[in-house]
Structures are given as C-alpha cells and as structure tokens.
Amino acid sequence: MDPIRSVYEDDPDMMEIIEEFAEELPGRATAITEYIEQNDWPNVQTLAHQLKGAGGGYGFPQITEAAAALEQAVKDDSDTTLIKERAGTLCEILRAVTVTESS
C-alpha cells in the first residue's frame, strides 16, 4: 500500500497533533488485531468508532471510511470473515500512515 498522508500536512499549525495521532496508529492496529483474535467485538467496535471520528479530524478520510465499515460490520453482527476482512483493511491503512516530520 502506498503511504497515506494527512490532507492537512501542509498546515504547520496541524503538524504536531497529526504527528502525535500518527504515532498512536500502529498500536491501535495491534489492539484491533488482538481484539479480533479474542472475539472481543465490543472493543473492536469502540476502537473503530474512535478512529472513524478521529480520522477525519486529522485529515485521513481513508481511516474514517475503513473504520466506519468495520464499525458497521460489528454493529450488524456480520459474519466473522467480513469483520476480519474489514479489520485487516483498516489495520493496513493505519500502518501506511506517513507523516513528514516538522522541523
């Protein structure tokens, strides 16, 4: 997957908070993976919901879209295969986020 960058990356006022958000994403991907392995659907749904809101706020619409799809799959009590597929997509996106370090 190509690197994913915030749409706000050119805004120097946003860079510090974008960097902080981006630093948390690999840990969130790991948490989602662990919750999926444990069939802990409430925590999967909670993390997806948080990422759905935060993704757009930090300029990552791809995160919002993938997190919304995962959250909806869990809410709908979808087949585990679909939930795992959507979780995998979200985790791949989270791990692809790249931030140009501010000076």
N, C-alpha and C. Protein backbone atom coordinates (compact mmCIF):
# COMPACT_ATOMS: atom_id res chain seq x y z
N MET A 1 0.85 -1.18 0.00
CA MET A 1 0.00 0.00 0.00
C MET A 1 0.90 1.24 0.00
N ASP A 2 0.48 2.23 -0.77
CA ASP A 2 1.22 3.50 -0.81
C ASP A 2 1.09 4.21 0.53
N PRO A 3 2.08 5.05 0.87
CA PRO A 3 1.97 5.83 2.11
C PRO A 3 0.73 6.71 2.08
N ILE A 4 0.12 6.84 3.23
CA ILE A 4 -1.07 7.67 3.37
C ILE A 4 -0.68 8.90 4.18
N ARG A 5 -1.03 10.06 3.65
CA ARG A 5 -0.69 11.33 4.30
C ARG A 5 -1.95 12.12 4.61
N SER A 6 -1.86 12.94 5.62
CA SER A 6 -2.98 13.78 6.01
C SER A 6 -3.21 14.87 4.97
N VAL A 7 -4.47 15.19 4.75
CA VAL A 7 -4.79 16.29 3.84
C VAL A 7 -4.39 17.62 4.46
N TYR A 8 -4.11 17.63 5.77
CA TYR A 8 -3.69 18.84 6.48
C TYR A 8 -2.18 18.95 6.65
N GLU A 9 -1.43 18.08 5.99
CA GLU A 9 0.01 18.03 6.21
C GLU A 9 0.72 19.33 5.85
N ASP A 10 0.16 20.11 4.98
CA ASP A 10 0.78 21.39 4.60
C ASP A 10 0.46 22.51 5.58
N ASP A 11 -0.35 22.23 6.58
CA ASP A 11 -0.72 23.24 7.58
C ASP A 11 0.21 23.10 8.79
N PRO A 12 1.16 24.04 8.94
CA PRO A 12 2.12 23.91 10.05
C PRO A 12 1.46 23.90 11.42
N ASP A 13 0.30 24.52 11.54
CA ASP A 13 -0.40 24.54 12.83
C ASP A 13 -0.96 23.16 13.20
N MET A 14 -1.15 22.32 12.22
CA MET A 14 -1.72 20.99 12.45
C MET A 14 -0.67 19.89 12.61
N MET A 15 0.55 20.15 12.17
CA MET A 15 1.53 19.08 12.07
C MET A 15 1.83 18.38 13.40
N GLU A 16 1.95 19.11 14.47
CA GLU A 16 2.30 18.48 15.74
C GLU A 16 1.23 17.49 16.18
N ILE A 17 -0.03 17.89 16.09
CA ILE A 17 -1.08 16.97 16.51
C ILE A 17 -1.25 15.81 15.53
N ILE A 18 -1.00 16.05 14.25
CA ILE A 18 -1.06 14.97 13.27
C ILE A 18 0.03 13.95 13.57
N GLU A 19 1.22 14.43 13.89
CA GLU A 19 2.33 13.53 14.22
C GLU A 19 1.99 12.68 15.45
N GLU A 20 1.43 13.32 16.48
CA GLU A 20 1.05 12.59 17.69
C GLU A 20 0.01 11.52 17.38
N PHE A 21 -0.98 11.88 16.58
CA PHE A 21 -2.01 10.93 16.19
C PHE A 21 -1.40 9.76 15.41
N ALA A 22 -0.55 10.08 14.45
CA ALA A 22 0.06 9.05 13.61
C ALA A 22 0.91 8.08 14.43
N GLU A 23 1.58 8.59 15.44
CA GLU A 23 2.42 7.73 16.29
C GLU A 23 1.61 6.67 17.03
N GLU A 24 0.35 6.96 17.29
CA GLU A 24 -0.52 6.02 18.02
C GLU A 24 -1.11 4.93 17.12
N LEU A 25 -1.09 5.14 15.82
CA LEU A 25 -1.82 4.25 14.92
C LEU A 25 -1.31 2.81 14.88
N PRO A 26 0.00 2.57 14.86
CA PRO A 26 0.43 1.16 14.86
C PRO A 26 -0.05 0.42 16.11
N GLY A 27 -0.06 1.08 17.24
CA GLY A 27 -0.57 0.46 18.47
C GLY A 27 -2.06 0.17 18.38
N ARG A 28 -2.79 1.06 17.74
CA ARG A 28 -4.23 0.83 17.58
C ARG A 28 -4.48 -0.34 16.64
N ALA A 29 -3.65 -0.46 15.59
CA ALA A 29 -3.78 -1.60 14.68
C ALA A 29 -3.52 -2.90 15.42
N THR A 30 -2.50 -2.90 16.27
CA THR A 30 -2.19 -4.09 17.07
C THR A 30 -3.34 -4.43 18.00
N ALA A 31 -3.91 -3.41 18.64
CA ALA A 31 -5.04 -3.64 19.55
C ALA A 31 -6.24 -4.23 18.81
N ILE A 32 -6.53 -3.70 17.64
CA ILE A 32 -7.66 -4.23 16.86
C ILE A 32 -7.41 -5.70 16.53
N THR A 33 -6.20 -6.01 16.10
CA THR A 33 -5.85 -7.39 15.75
C THR A 33 -6.02 -8.30 16.97
N GLU A 34 -5.55 -7.85 18.12
CA GLU A 34 -5.68 -8.66 19.34
C GLU A 34 -7.14 -8.85 19.74
N TYR A 35 -7.92 -7.79 19.65
CA TYR A 35 -9.35 -7.91 19.98
C TYR A 35 -10.07 -8.85 19.02
N ILE A 36 -9.71 -8.80 17.76
CA ILE A 36 -10.31 -9.72 16.77
C ILE A 36 -9.97 -11.16 17.14
N GLU A 37 -8.70 -11.41 17.48
CA GLU A 37 -8.28 -12.77 17.84
C GLU A 37 -9.03 -13.27 19.08
N GLN A 38 -9.40 -12.36 19.97
CA GLN A 38 -10.11 -12.72 21.20
C GLN A 38 -11.64 -12.70 21.03
N ASN A 39 -12.09 -12.40 19.81
CA ASN A 39 -13.53 -12.23 19.54
C ASN A 39 -14.16 -11.21 20.49
N ASP A 40 -13.40 -10.15 20.78
CA ASP A 40 -13.85 -9.09 21.68
C ASP A 40 -14.49 -7.98 20.84
N TRP A 41 -15.71 -8.26 20.40
CA TRP A 41 -16.38 -7.36 19.45
C TRP A 41 -16.69 -5.99 20.04
N PRO A 42 -17.05 -5.87 21.32
CA PRO A 42 -17.30 -4.51 21.85
C PRO A 42 -16.06 -3.61 21.75
N ASN A 43 -14.88 -4.16 22.05
CA ASN A 43 -13.68 -3.33 21.94
C ASN A 43 -13.29 -3.06 20.50
N VAL A 44 -13.55 -3.99 19.60
CA VAL A 44 -13.31 -3.74 18.17
C VAL A 44 -14.20 -2.58 17.73
N GLN A 45 -15.47 -2.64 18.12
CA GLN A 45 -16.41 -1.60 17.74
C GLN A 45 -16.01 -0.25 18.33
N THR A 46 -15.57 -0.24 19.58
CA THR A 46 -15.17 1.02 20.23
C THR A 46 -13.97 1.64 19.52
N LEU A 47 -12.95 0.84 19.24
CA LEU A 47 -11.78 1.38 18.55
C LEU A 47 -12.14 1.87 17.15
N ALA A 48 -12.96 1.11 16.45
CA ALA A 48 -13.38 1.54 15.10
C ALA A 48 -14.14 2.86 15.19
N HIS A 49 -15.00 2.99 16.17
CA HIS A 49 -15.77 4.23 16.33
C HIS A 49 -14.85 5.42 16.60
N GLN A 50 -13.88 5.22 17.50
CA GLN A 50 -12.93 6.29 17.81
C GLN A 50 -12.14 6.71 16.57
N LEU A 51 -11.67 5.71 15.83
CA LEU A 51 -10.88 6.01 14.63
C LEU A 51 -11.72 6.65 13.53
N LYS A 52 -12.99 6.28 13.46
CA LYS A 52 -13.89 6.87 12.46
C LYS A 52 -13.95 8.38 12.67
N GLY A 53 -14.13 8.80 13.91
CA GLY A 53 -14.21 10.22 14.20
C GLY A 53 -12.88 10.93 14.07
N ALA A 54 -11.84 10.32 14.61
CA ALA A 54 -10.53 10.96 14.63
C ALA A 54 -9.91 11.04 13.23
N GLY A 55 -10.15 10.04 12.42
CA GLY A 55 -9.53 10.02 11.09
C GLY A 55 -9.82 11.28 10.29
N GLY A 56 -11.07 11.67 10.26
CA GLY A 56 -11.45 12.87 9.51
C GLY A 56 -10.89 14.13 10.15
N GLY A 57 -10.91 14.17 11.47
CA GLY A 57 -10.41 15.35 12.18
C GLY A 57 -8.93 15.62 11.95
N TYR A 58 -8.19 14.54 11.72
CA TYR A 58 -6.75 14.68 11.48
C TYR A 58 -6.41 14.64 9.98
N GLY A 59 -7.42 14.60 9.15
CA GLY A 59 -7.19 14.68 7.70
C GLY A 59 -6.90 13.35 7.03
N PHE A 60 -7.45 12.28 7.58
CA PHE A 60 -7.26 10.95 6.99
C PHE A 60 -8.62 10.34 6.66
N PRO A 61 -9.24 10.75 5.56
CA PRO A 61 -10.57 10.21 5.24
C PRO A 61 -10.56 8.70 4.99
N GLN A 62 -9.41 8.16 4.58
CA GLN A 62 -9.32 6.71 4.37
C GLN A 62 -9.53 5.96 5.67
N ILE A 63 -9.01 6.52 6.78
CA ILE A 63 -9.20 5.90 8.08
C ILE A 63 -10.68 5.95 8.45
N THR A 64 -11.29 7.11 8.27
CA THR A 64 -12.70 7.27 8.61
C THR A 64 -13.56 6.25 7.85
N GLU A 65 -13.32 6.13 6.57
CA GLU A 65 -14.12 5.23 5.74
C GLU A 65 -13.94 3.77 6.16
N ALA A 66 -12.69 3.34 6.35
CA ALA A 66 -12.43 1.95 6.72
C ALA A 66 -12.94 1.65 8.13
N ALA A 67 -12.78 2.61 9.05
CA ALA A 67 -13.25 2.41 10.42
C ALA A 67 -14.77 2.35 10.47
N ALA A 68 -15.43 3.18 9.67
CA ALA A 68 -16.90 3.16 9.61
C ALA A 68 -17.39 1.80 9.10
N ALA A 69 -16.71 1.26 8.09
CA ALA A 69 -17.10 -0.04 7.54
C ALA A 69 -16.93 -1.14 8.58
N LEU A 70 -15.84 -1.09 9.33
CA LEU A 70 -15.61 -2.08 10.38
C LEU A 70 -16.65 -1.94 11.50
N GLU A 71 -16.86 -0.71 11.93
CA GLU A 71 -17.84 -0.48 13.00
C GLU A 71 -19.21 -1.00 12.59
N GLN A 72 -19.61 -0.73 11.36
CA GLN A 72 -20.93 -1.17 10.90
C GLN A 72 -21.01 -2.69 10.82
N ALA A 73 -19.95 -3.33 10.40
CA ALA A 73 -19.95 -4.79 10.32
C ALA A 73 -20.13 -5.41 11.70
N VAL A 74 -19.47 -4.83 12.70
CA VAL A 74 -19.63 -5.35 14.07
C VAL A 74 -21.05 -5.06 14.58
N LYS A 75 -21.55 -3.84 14.35
CA LYS A 75 -22.91 -3.49 14.78
C LYS A 75 -23.95 -4.42 14.17
N ASP A 76 -23.73 -4.77 12.90
CA ASP A 76 -24.68 -5.62 12.18
C ASP A 76 -24.53 -7.10 12.53
N ASP A 77 -23.56 -7.41 13.43
CA ASP A 77 -23.28 -8.79 13.80
C ASP A 77 -23.00 -9.62 12.54
N SER A 78 -22.18 -9.04 11.67
CA SER A 78 -21.83 -9.68 10.40
C SER A 78 -21.00 -10.93 10.62
N ASP A 79 -20.85 -11.67 9.56
CA ASP A 79 -20.02 -12.86 9.58
C ASP A 79 -18.59 -12.49 10.00
N THR A 80 -17.97 -13.33 10.80
CA THR A 80 -16.63 -13.06 11.30
C THR A 80 -15.64 -12.83 10.16
N THR A 81 -15.83 -13.52 9.06
CA THR A 81 -14.93 -13.35 7.91
C THR A 81 -14.98 -11.92 7.40
N LEU A 82 -16.16 -11.34 7.30
CA LEU A 82 -16.31 -9.97 6.84
C LEU A 82 -15.69 -9.00 7.84
N ILE A 83 -15.93 -9.23 9.12
CA ILE A 83 -15.35 -8.35 10.14
C ILE A 83 -13.83 -8.40 10.07
N LYS A 84 -13.27 -9.60 9.96
CA LYS A 84 -11.81 -9.74 9.88
C LYS A 84 -11.26 -9.06 8.62
N GLU A 85 -11.99 -9.17 7.53
CA GLU A 85 -11.56 -8.53 6.27
C GLU A 85 -11.53 -7.01 6.44
N ARG A 86 -12.59 -6.47 7.01
CA ARG A 86 -12.65 -5.02 7.21
C ARG A 86 -11.62 -4.55 8.24
N ALA A 87 -11.38 -5.34 9.26
CA ALA A 87 -10.36 -5.01 10.25
C ALA A 87 -8.98 -5.02 9.59
N GLY A 88 -8.74 -5.99 8.73
CA GLY A 88 -7.46 -6.08 8.02
C GLY A 88 -7.23 -4.86 7.14
N THR A 89 -8.27 -4.43 6.47
CA THR A 89 -8.17 -3.23 5.62
C THR A 89 -7.84 -2.01 6.47
N LEU A 90 -8.54 -1.84 7.59
CA LEU A 90 -8.28 -0.71 8.46
C LEU A 90 -6.86 -0.75 9.01
N CYS A 91 -6.43 -1.90 9.46
CA CYS A 91 -5.07 -2.02 10.02
C CYS A 91 -4.01 -1.73 8.97
N GLU A 92 -4.24 -2.16 7.76
CA GLU A 92 -3.30 -1.88 6.67
C GLU A 92 -3.20 -0.37 6.44
N ILE A 93 -4.32 0.31 6.46
CA ILE A 93 -4.33 1.77 6.30
C ILE A 93 -3.61 2.44 7.46
N LEU A 94 -3.90 2.00 8.69
CA LEU A 94 -3.26 2.60 9.86
C LEU A 94 -1.74 2.48 9.78
N ARG A 95 -1.28 1.34 9.31
CA ARG A 95 0.17 1.11 9.23
C ARG A 95 0.81 1.84 8.05
N ALA A 96 0.00 2.30 7.11
CA ALA A 96 0.53 3.00 5.93
C ALA A 96 0.61 4.52 6.14
N VAL A 97 0.07 5.00 7.25
CA VAL A 97 0.10 6.44 7.50
C VAL A 97 1.54 6.91 7.68
N THR A 98 1.87 7.95 6.95
CA THR A 98 3.21 8.52 6.98
C THR A 98 3.07 10.02 7.21
N VAL A 99 3.94 10.54 8.06
CA VAL A 99 3.92 11.96 8.36
C VAL A 99 5.32 12.51 8.10
N THR A 100 5.37 13.62 7.37
CA THR A 100 6.63 14.31 7.18
C THR A 100 6.93 15.05 8.47
N GLU A 101 8.02 14.71 9.11
CA GLU A 101 8.36 15.32 10.39
C GLU A 101 8.53 16.82 10.25
N SER A 102 8.00 17.56 11.22
CA SER A 102 8.15 19.01 11.21
C SER A 102 9.55 19.37 11.67
N SER A 103 10.01 20.54 11.28
CA SER A 103 11.35 20.95 11.65
C SER A 103 11.35 21.73 12.94
